[in-house]
C-alpha cells in the first residue's frame, strides 16, 4: 500500500468577521475559523457553491481571490488563487 503525505501550509485558528464577494457581486457575511497561506475555512451566512470564485475580505484589508473547494452545510473551505505572503 502506498501512502501519500500531502504538504499543507500551517493553519492558524482564528475567529474573524469578514465577507465574501461572489462573481455575481453578492456579498456574504462570514466568520473565518482558520487561515493558511493557501486557504481558509469559514462559516457563511448564505449558501456558497462548490467551485465558485470569490473574493475574501477580512476587516478593512484588500480582498484575496479564492475558489470554494468544499461545502458542508454553512461551513466552507477554499483555496487562494495565489499564496498569501503573510497570514496574520
PDB file of N, CA and C in Angstrom:
ATOM      1  N   UNK A   1       0.851  -1.173   0.000  1.00  0.00           N
ATOM      2  CA  UNK A   1       0.000   0.000   0.000  1.00  0.00           C
ATOM      3  C   UNK A   1       0.897   1.237   0.000  1.00  0.00           C
ATOM      4  N   UNK A   2       0.569   2.179  -0.876  1.00  0.00           N
ATOM      5  CA  UNK A   2       1.318   3.421  -0.974  1.00  0.00           C
ATOM      6  C   UNK A   2       0.598   4.519  -0.195  1.00  0.00           C
ATOM      7  N   UNK A   3       1.339   5.272   0.582  1.00  0.00           N
ATOM      8  CA  UNK A   3       0.760   6.376   1.348  1.00  0.00           C
ATOM      9  C   UNK A   3       1.373   7.676   0.838  1.00  0.00           C
ATOM     10  N   UNK A   4       0.514   8.624   0.519  1.00  0.00           N
ATOM     11  CA  UNK A   4       0.976   9.926   0.060  1.00  0.00           C
ATOM     12  C   UNK A   4       0.790  10.938   1.176  1.00  0.00           C
ATOM     13  N   UNK A   5       1.842  11.634   1.516  1.00  0.00           N
ATOM     14  CA  UNK A   5       1.754  12.683   2.534  1.00  0.00           C
ATOM     15  C   UNK A   5       1.629  14.011   1.801  1.00  0.00           C
ATOM     16  N   UNK A   6       0.554  14.710   2.065  1.00  0.00           N
ATOM     17  CA  UNK A   6       0.310  15.989   1.410  1.00  0.00           C
ATOM     18  C   UNK A   6       0.995  17.113   2.173  1.00  0.00           C
ATOM     19  N   UNK A   7       1.711  17.937   1.454  1.00  0.00           N
ATOM     20  CA  UNK A   7       2.293  19.139   2.054  1.00  0.00           C
ATOM     21  C   UNK A   7       1.176  20.143   2.270  1.00  0.00           C
ATOM     22  N   UNK A   8       0.970  20.563   3.498  1.00  0.00           N
ATOM     23  CA  UNK A   8      -0.049  21.568   3.791  1.00  0.00           C
ATOM     24  C   UNK A   8       0.605  22.733   4.485  1.00  0.00           C
ATOM     25  N   UNK A   9       0.153  23.908   4.123  1.00  0.00           N
ATOM     26  CA  UNK A   9       0.633  25.092   4.826  1.00  0.00           C
ATOM     27  C   UNK A   9       0.098  25.061   6.249  1.00  0.00           C
ATOM     28  N   UNK A  10       0.866  25.639   7.170  1.00  0.00           N
ATOM     29  CA  UNK A  10       0.438  25.696   8.567  1.00  0.00           C
ATOM     30  C   UNK A  10      -0.846  26.512   8.677  1.00  0.00           C
ATOM     31  N   UNK A  11      -1.833  25.936   9.352  1.00  0.00           N
ATOM     32  CA  UNK A  11      -3.110  26.621   9.555  1.00  0.00           C
ATOM     33  C   UNK A  11      -3.109  27.300  10.917  1.00  0.00           C
ATOM     34  N   UNK A  12      -3.719  28.475  10.953  1.00  0.00           N
ATOM     35  CA  UNK A  12      -3.837  29.245  12.190  1.00  0.00           C
ATOM     36  C   UNK A  12      -5.317  29.344  12.536  1.00  0.00           C
ATOM     37  N   UNK A  13      -5.679  28.903  13.749  1.00  0.00           N
ATOM     38  CA  UNK A  13      -7.066  29.037  14.201  1.00  0.00           C
ATOM     39  C   UNK A  13      -7.345  30.499  14.508  1.00  0.00           C
ATOM     40  N   UNK A  14      -8.453  30.997  13.970  1.00  0.00           N
ATOM     41  CA  UNK A  14      -8.856  32.387  14.189  1.00  0.00           C
ATOM     42  C   UNK A  14     -10.364  32.431  14.392  1.00  0.00           C
ATOM     43  N   UNK A  15     -10.873  33.576  14.717  1.00  0.00           N
ATOM     44  CA  UNK A  15     -12.313  33.808  14.815  1.00  0.00           C
ATOM     45  C   UNK A  15     -12.534  35.245  14.358  1.00  0.00           C
ATOM     46  N   UNK A  16     -12.568  35.426  13.030  1.00  0.00           N
ATOM     47  CA  UNK A  16     -12.582  36.768  12.454  1.00  0.00           C
ATOM     48  C   UNK A  16     -13.804  36.991  11.577  1.00  0.00           C
ATOM     49  N   UNK A  17     -14.426  38.160  11.723  1.00  0.00           N
ATOM     50  CA  UNK A  17     -15.531  38.535  10.842  1.00  0.00           C
ATOM     51  C   UNK A  17     -14.960  38.977   9.504  1.00  0.00           C
ATOM     52  N   UNK A  18     -15.665  38.652   8.449  1.00  0.00           N
ATOM     53  CA  UNK A  18     -15.250  39.066   7.118  1.00  0.00           C
ATOM     54  C   UNK A  18     -16.412  38.970   6.155  1.00  0.00           C
ATOM     55  N   UNK A  19     -16.101  39.081   4.879  1.00  0.00           N
ATOM     56  CA  UNK A  19     -17.137  38.873   3.868  1.00  0.00           C
ATOM     57  C   UNK A  19     -16.525  38.276   2.614  1.00  0.00           C
ATOM     58  N   UNK A  20     -17.377  37.585   1.874  1.00  0.00           N
ATOM     59  CA  UNK A  20     -17.011  37.032   0.579  1.00  0.00           C
ATOM     60  C   UNK A  20     -17.851  37.738  -0.461  1.00  0.00           C
ATOM     61  N   UNK A  21     -17.245  38.129  -1.558  1.00  0.00           N
ATOM     62  CA  UNK A  21     -17.986  38.684  -2.684  1.00  0.00           C
ATOM     63  C   UNK A  21     -17.914  37.665  -3.807  1.00  0.00           C
ATOM     64  N   UNK A  22     -19.092  37.257  -4.321  1.00  0.00           N
ATOM     65  CA  UNK A  22     -19.135  36.273  -5.400  1.00  0.00           C
ATOM     66  C   UNK A  22     -18.906  36.959  -6.739  1.00  0.00           C
ATOM     67  N   UNK A  23     -18.738  36.155  -7.782  1.00  0.00           N
ATOM     68  CA  UNK A  23     -18.554  36.709  -9.130  1.00  0.00           C
ATOM     69  C   UNK A  23     -19.762  37.529  -9.568  1.00  0.00           C
ATOM     70  N   UNK A  24     -20.943  37.202  -9.009  1.00  0.00           N
ATOM     71  CA  UNK A  24     -22.165  37.945  -9.333  1.00  0.00           C
ATOM     72  C   UNK A  24     -22.286  39.238  -8.542  1.00  0.00           C
ATOM     73  N   UNK A  25     -21.313  39.518  -7.663  1.00  0.00           N
ATOM     74  CA  UNK A  25     -21.345  40.741  -6.875  1.00  0.00           C
ATOM     75  C   UNK A  25     -22.109  40.628  -5.573  1.00  0.00           C
ATOM     76  N   UNK A  26     -22.573  39.419  -5.226  1.00  0.00           N
ATOM     77  CA  UNK A  26     -23.293  39.205  -3.972  1.00  0.00           C
ATOM     78  C   UNK A  26     -22.277  39.173  -2.830  1.00  0.00           C
ATOM     79  N   UNK A  27     -22.551  39.940  -1.773  1.00  0.00           N
ATOM     80  CA  UNK A  27     -21.668  39.981  -0.605  1.00  0.00           C
ATOM     81  C   UNK A  27     -22.280  39.116   0.493  1.00  0.00           C
ATOM     82  N   UNK A  28     -21.491  38.162   0.995  1.00  0.00           N
ATOM     83  CA  UNK A  28     -21.945  37.212   2.012  1.00  0.00           C
ATOM     84  C   UNK A  28     -21.105  37.416   3.270  1.00  0.00           C
ATOM     85  N   UNK A  29     -21.764  37.646   4.404  1.00  0.00           N
ATOM     86  CA  UNK A  29     -21.048  37.769   5.679  1.00  0.00           C
ATOM     87  C   UNK A  29     -20.512  36.395   6.077  1.00  0.00           C
ATOM     88  N   UNK A  30     -19.270  36.374   6.603  1.00  0.00           N
ATOM     89  CA  UNK A  30     -18.645  35.115   7.001  1.00  0.00           C
ATOM     90  C   UNK A  30     -17.932  35.277   8.337  1.00  0.00           C
ATOM     91  N   UNK A  31     -17.656  34.143   8.970  1.00  0.00           N
ATOM     92  CA  UNK A  31     -16.826  34.076  10.170  1.00  0.00           C
ATOM     93  C   UNK A  31     -15.692  33.122   9.820  1.00  0.00           C
ATOM     94  N   UNK A  32     -14.462  33.645   9.697  1.00  0.00           N
ATOM     95  CA  UNK A  32     -13.303  32.836   9.316  1.00  0.00           C
ATOM     96  C   UNK A  32     -12.828  32.057  10.544  1.00  0.00           C
ATOM     97  N   UNK A  33     -12.699  30.731  10.395  1.00  0.00           N
ATOM     98  CA  UNK A  33     -12.315  29.856  11.504  1.00  0.00           C
ATOM     99  C   UNK A  33     -10.841  29.491  11.484  1.00  0.00           C
ATOM    100  N   UNK A  34     -10.273  29.341  10.289  1.00  0.00           N
ATOM    101  CA  UNK A  34      -8.829  29.153  10.201  1.00  0.00           C
ATOM    102  C   UNK A  34      -8.302  29.642   8.865  1.00  0.00           C
ATOM    103  N   UNK A  35      -7.017  29.969   8.880  1.00  0.00           N
ATOM    104  CA  UNK A  35      -6.340  30.528   7.708  1.00  0.00           C
ATOM    105  C   UNK A  35      -4.988  29.866   7.526  1.00  0.00           C
ATOM    106  N   UNK A  36      -4.560  29.782   6.285  1.00  0.00           N
ATOM    107  CA  UNK A  36      -3.184  29.406   5.966  1.00  0.00           C
ATOM    108  C   UNK A  36      -2.764  30.271   4.787  1.00  0.00           C
ATOM    109  N   UNK A  37      -1.530  30.131   4.358  1.00  0.00           N
ATOM    110  CA  UNK A  37      -1.063  30.904   3.204  1.00  0.00           C
ATOM    111  C   UNK A  37      -1.797  30.506   1.931  1.00  0.00           C
ATOM    112  N   UNK A  38      -2.360  29.290   1.917  1.00  0.00           N
ATOM    113  CA  UNK A  38      -3.003  28.809   0.695  1.00  0.00           C
ATOM    114  C   UNK A  38      -4.519  28.715   0.766  1.00  0.00           C
ATOM    115  N   UNK A  39      -5.120  28.889   1.957  1.00  0.00           N
ATOM    116  CA  UNK A  39      -6.570  28.745   2.005  1.00  0.00           C
ATOM    117  C   UNK A  39      -7.190  29.112   3.337  1.00  0.00           C
ATOM    118  N   UNK A  40      -8.462  28.711   3.488  1.00  0.00           N
ATOM    119  CA  UNK A  40      -9.247  29.104   4.652  1.00  0.00           C
ATOM    120  C   UNK A  40     -10.378  28.118   4.895  1.00  0.00           C
ATOM    121  N   UNK A  41     -10.920  28.200   6.112  1.00  0.00           N
ATOM    122  CA  UNK A  41     -12.161  27.508   6.481  1.00  0.00           C
ATOM    123  C   UNK A  41     -13.016  28.547   7.174  1.00  0.00           C
ATOM    124  N   UNK A  42     -14.306  28.586   6.817  1.00  0.00           N
ATOM    125  CA  UNK A  42     -15.179  29.608   7.381  1.00  0.00           C
ATOM    126  C   UNK A  42     -16.615  29.116   7.460  1.00  0.00           C
ATOM    127  N   UNK A  43     -17.428  29.887   8.155  1.00  0.00           N
ATOM    128  CA  UNK A  43     -18.873  29.671   8.198  1.00  0.00           C
ATOM    129  C   UNK A  43     -19.509  30.866   7.507  1.00  0.00           C
ATOM    130  N   UNK A  44     -20.401  30.586   6.551  1.00  0.00           N
ATOM    131  CA  UNK A  44     -21.034  31.643   5.754  1.00  0.00           C
ATOM    132  C   UNK A  44     -22.491  31.819   6.156  1.00  0.00           C
ATOM    133  N   UNK A  45     -22.971  33.064   6.093  1.00  0.00           N
ATOM    134  CA  UNK A  45     -24.376  33.350   6.396  1.00  0.00           C
ATOM    135  C   UNK A  45     -25.315  32.866   5.297  1.00  0.00           C
ATOM    136  N   UNK A  46     -24.811  32.742   4.068  1.00  0.00           N
ATOM    137  CA  UNK A  46     -25.618  32.281   2.937  1.00  0.00           C
ATOM    138  C   UNK A  46     -24.917  31.118   2.252  1.00  0.00           C
ATOM    139  N   UNK A  47     -25.661  30.437   1.393  1.00  0.00           N
ATOM    140  CA  UNK A  47     -25.128  29.284   0.667  1.00  0.00           C
ATOM    141  C   UNK A  47     -24.099  29.713  -0.378  1.00  0.00           C
ATOM    142  N   UNK A  48     -23.015  28.973  -0.436  1.00  0.00           N
ATOM    143  CA  UNK A  48     -21.997  29.177  -1.468  1.00  0.00           C
ATOM    144  C   UNK A  48     -21.889  27.901  -2.289  1.00  0.00           C
ATOM    145  N   UNK A  49     -21.451  28.026  -3.527  1.00  0.00           N
ATOM    146  CA  UNK A  49     -21.411  26.890  -4.437  1.00  0.00           C
ATOM    147  C   UNK A  49     -19.997  26.359  -4.620  1.00  0.00           C
ATOM    148  N   UNK A  50     -19.883  25.057  -4.685  1.00  0.00           N
ATOM    149  CA  UNK A  50     -18.614  24.402  -4.954  1.00  0.00           C
ATOM    150  C   UNK A  50     -18.040  24.908  -6.270  1.00  0.00           C
ATOM    151  N   UNK A  51     -16.780  25.286  -6.266  1.00  0.00           N
ATOM    152  CA  UNK A  51     -16.123  25.771  -7.474  1.00  0.00           C
ATOM    153  C   UNK A  51     -16.303  27.253  -7.746  1.00  0.00           C
ATOM    154  N   UNK A  52     -17.129  27.906  -6.929  1.00  0.00           N
ATOM    155  CA  UNK A  52     -17.403  29.335  -7.122  1.00  0.00           C
ATOM    156  C   UNK A  52     -16.147  30.170  -6.847  1.00  0.00           C
ATOM    157  N   UNK A  53     -15.915  31.171  -7.678  1.00  0.00           N
ATOM    158  CA  UNK A  53     -14.817  32.124  -7.453  1.00  0.00           C
ATOM    159  C   UNK A  53     -15.333  33.228  -6.550  1.00  0.00           C
ATOM    160  N   UNK A  54     -14.544  33.576  -5.548  1.00  0.00           N
ATOM    161  CA  UNK A  54     -14.955  34.575  -4.559  1.00  0.00           C
ATOM    162  C   UNK A  54     -13.776  35.485  -4.233  1.00  0.00           C
ATOM    163  N   UNK A  55     -14.091  36.566  -3.538  1.00  0.00           N
ATOM    164  CA  UNK A  55     -13.079  37.472  -3.008  1.00  0.00           C
ATOM    165  C   UNK A  55     -13.290  37.509  -1.496  1.00  0.00           C
ATOM    166  N   UNK A  56     -12.317  37.020  -0.718  1.00  0.00           N
ATOM    167  CA  UNK A  56     -12.414  37.007   0.741  1.00  0.00           C
ATOM    168  C   UNK A  56     -11.775  38.269   1.288  1.00  0.00           C
ATOM    169  N   UNK A  57     -12.554  39.000   2.092  1.00  0.00           N
ATOM    170  CA  UNK A  57     -12.047  40.222   2.720  1.00  0.00           C
ATOM    171  C   UNK A  57     -12.239  40.089   4.229  1.00  0.00           C
ATOM    172  N   UNK A  58     -11.164  40.371   4.969  1.00  0.00           N
ATOM    173  CA  UNK A  58     -11.208  40.345   6.430  1.00  0.00           C
ATOM    174  C   UNK A  58     -10.879  41.746   6.913  1.00  0.00           C
ATOM    175  N   UNK A  59     -11.756  42.311   7.717  1.00  0.00           N
ATOM    176  CA  UNK A  59     -11.542  43.678   8.192  1.00  0.00           C
ATOM    177  C   UNK A  59     -11.532  44.653   7.032  1.00  0.00           C
ATOM    178  N   UNK A  60     -10.613  45.600   7.083  1.00  0.00           N
ATOM    179  CA  UNK A  60     -10.536  46.616   6.029  1.00  0.00           C
ATOM    180  C   UNK A  60      -9.482  46.286   4.981  1.00  0.00           C
ATOM    181  N   UNK A  61      -8.897  45.105   5.081  1.00  0.00           N
ATOM    182  CA  UNK A  61      -7.838  44.724   4.155  1.00  0.00           C
ATOM    183  C   UNK A  61      -8.340  44.502   2.738  1.00  0.00           C
ATOM    184  N   UNK A  62      -7.381  44.405   1.824  1.00  0.00           N
ATOM    185  CA  UNK A  62      -7.715  44.076   0.443  1.00  0.00           C
ATOM    186  C   UNK A  62      -8.257  42.654   0.399  1.00  0.00           C
ATOM    187  N   UNK A  63      -9.121  42.398  -0.558  1.00  0.00           N
ATOM    188  CA  UNK A  63      -9.660  41.057  -0.716  1.00  0.00           C
ATOM    189  C   UNK A  63      -8.648  40.121  -1.360  1.00  0.00           C
ATOM    190  N   UNK A  64      -8.781  38.829  -1.044  1.00  0.00           N
ATOM    191  CA  UNK A  64      -7.932  37.793  -1.641  1.00  0.00           C
ATOM    192  C   UNK A  64      -8.804  36.923  -2.537  1.00  0.00           C
ATOM    193  N   UNK A  65      -8.519  36.855  -3.847  1.00  0.00           N
ATOM    194  CA  UNK A  65      -9.286  35.994  -4.742  1.00  0.00           C
ATOM    195  C   UNK A  65      -9.083  34.524  -4.366  1.00  0.00           C
ATOM    196  N   UNK A  66     -10.175  33.764  -4.401  1.00  0.00           N
ATOM    197  CA  UNK A  66     -10.125  32.363  -3.992  1.00  0.00           C
ATOM    198  C   UNK A  66     -11.185  31.554  -4.737  1.00  0.00           C
ATOM    199  N   UNK A  67     -11.101  30.237  -4.578  1.00  0.00           N
ATOM    200  CA  UNK A  67     -12.085  29.311  -5.130  1.00  0.00           C
ATOM    201  C   UNK A  67     -12.635  28.464  -4.000  1.00  0.00           C
ATOM    202  N   UNK A  68     -13.957  28.261  -3.972  1.00  0.00           N
ATOM    203  CA  UNK A  68     -14.596  27.392  -2.985  1.00  0.00           C
ATOM    204  C   UNK A  68     -14.263  25.947  -3.355  1.00  0.00           C
ATOM    205  N   UNK A  69     -13.614  25.202  -2.432  1.00  0.00           N
ATOM    206  CA  UNK A  69     -13.174  23.828  -2.687  1.00  0.00           C
ATOM    207  C   UNK A  69     -14.101  22.783  -2.086  1.00  0.00           C
ATOM    208  N   UNK A  70     -14.771  23.123  -0.979  1.00  0.00           N
ATOM    209  CA  UNK A  70     -15.725  22.189  -0.383  1.00  0.00           C
ATOM    210  C   UNK A  70     -16.762  22.964   0.412  1.00  0.00           C
ATOM    211  N   UNK A  71     -17.946  22.357   0.524  1.00  0.00           N
ATOM    212  CA  UNK A  71     -19.057  22.960   1.264  1.00  0.00           C
ATOM    213  C   UNK A  71     -19.754  21.849   2.044  1.00  0.00           C
ATOM    214  N   UNK A  72     -19.914  22.039   3.355  1.00  0.00           N
ATOM    215  CA  UNK A  72     -20.675  21.121   4.202  1.00  0.00           C
ATOM    216  C   UNK A  72     -21.610  21.989   5.025  1.00  0.00           C
ATOM    217  N   UNK A  73     -22.879  22.033   4.625  1.00  0.00           N
ATOM    218  CA  UNK A  73     -23.821  22.937   5.281  1.00  0.00           C
ATOM    219  C   UNK A  73     -23.379  24.373   5.043  1.00  0.00           C
ATOM    220  N   UNK A  74     -23.194  25.113   6.130  1.00  0.00           N
ATOM    221  CA  UNK A  74     -22.735  26.505   6.019  1.00  0.00           C
ATOM    222  C   UNK A  74     -21.217  26.632   6.161  1.00  0.00           C
ATOM    223  N   UNK A  75     -20.549  25.508   6.433  1.00  0.00           N
ATOM    224  CA  UNK A  75     -19.088  25.536   6.552  1.00  0.00           C
ATOM    225  C   UNK A  75     -18.468  25.377   5.164  1.00  0.00           C
ATOM    226  N   UNK A  76     -17.451  26.194   4.899  1.00  0.00           N
ATOM    227  CA  UNK A  76     -16.867  26.272   3.559  1.00  0.00           C
ATOM    228  C   UNK A  76     -15.343  26.268   3.662  1.00  0.00           C
ATOM    229  N   UNK A  77     -14.707  25.549   2.751  1.00  0.00           N
ATOM    230  CA  UNK A  77     -13.254  25.576   2.633  1.00  0.00           C
ATOM    231  C   UNK A  77     -12.880  26.125   1.271  1.00  0.00           C
ATOM    232  N   UNK A  78     -11.832  26.908   1.235  1.00  0.00           N
ATOM    233  CA  UNK A  78     -11.427  27.488  -0.039  1.00  0.00           C
ATOM    234  C   UNK A  78      -9.927  27.594  -0.161  1.00  0.00           C
ATOM    235  N   UNK A  79      -9.481  27.778  -1.392  1.00  0.00           N
ATOM    236  CA  UNK A  79      -8.051  27.980  -1.627  1.00  0.00           C
ATOM    237  C   UNK A  79      -7.847  29.293  -2.367  1.00  0.00           C
ATOM    238  N   UNK A  80      -6.820  30.008  -1.948  1.00  0.00           N
ATOM    239  CA  UNK A  80      -6.488  31.273  -2.588  1.00  0.00           C
ATOM    240  C   UNK A  80      -5.904  31.010  -3.969  1.00  0.00           C
ATOM    241  N   UNK A  81      -6.168  31.909  -4.908  1.00  0.00           N
ATOM    242  CA  UNK A  81      -5.633  31.752  -6.252  1.00  0.00           C
ATOM    243  C   UNK A  81      -4.116  31.926  -6.251  1.00  0.00           C
ATOM    244  N   UNK A  82      -3.609  32.741  -5.325  1.00  0.00           N
ATOM    245  CA  UNK A  82      -2.166  32.887  -5.107  1.00  0.00           C
ATOM    246  C   UNK A  82      -1.916  32.771  -3.614  1.00  0.00           C
ATOM    247  N   UNK A  83      -0.805  32.147  -3.245  1.00  0.00           N
ATOM    248  CA  UNK A  83      -0.488  32.033  -1.824  1.00  0.00           C
ATOM    249  C   UNK A  83      -0.331  33.408  -1.204  1.00  0.00           C
ATOM    250  N   UNK A  84      -0.862  33.554   0.002  1.00  0.00           N
ATOM    251  CA  UNK A  84      -0.708  34.807   0.741  1.00  0.00           C
ATOM    252  C   UNK A  84       0.744  34.947   1.185  1.00  0.00           C
ATOM    253  N   UNK A  85       1.244  36.167   1.175  1.00  0.00           N
ATOM    254  CA  UNK A  85       2.620  36.409   1.618  1.00  0.00           C
ATOM    255  C   UNK A  85       2.723  36.347   3.132  1.00  0.00           C
ATOM    256  N   UNK A  86       1.663  36.781   3.813  1.00  0.00           N
ATOM    257  CA  UNK A  86       1.627  36.709   5.270  1.00  0.00           C
ATOM    258  C   UNK A  86       0.258  36.218   5.696  1.00  0.00           C
ATOM    259  N   UNK A  87       0.226  35.523   6.817  1.00  0.00           N
ATOM    260  CA  UNK A  87      -1.034  35.092   7.421  1.00  0.00           C
ATOM    261  C   UNK A  87      -1.047  35.674   8.816  1.00  0.00           C
ATOM    262  N   UNK A  88      -1.807  36.735   8.993  1.00  0.00           N
ATOM    263  CA  UNK A  88      -1.890  37.452  10.264  1.00  0.00           C
ATOM    264  C   UNK A  88      -0.510  37.627  10.798  1.00  0.00           C
TER     265      UNK A  88
END
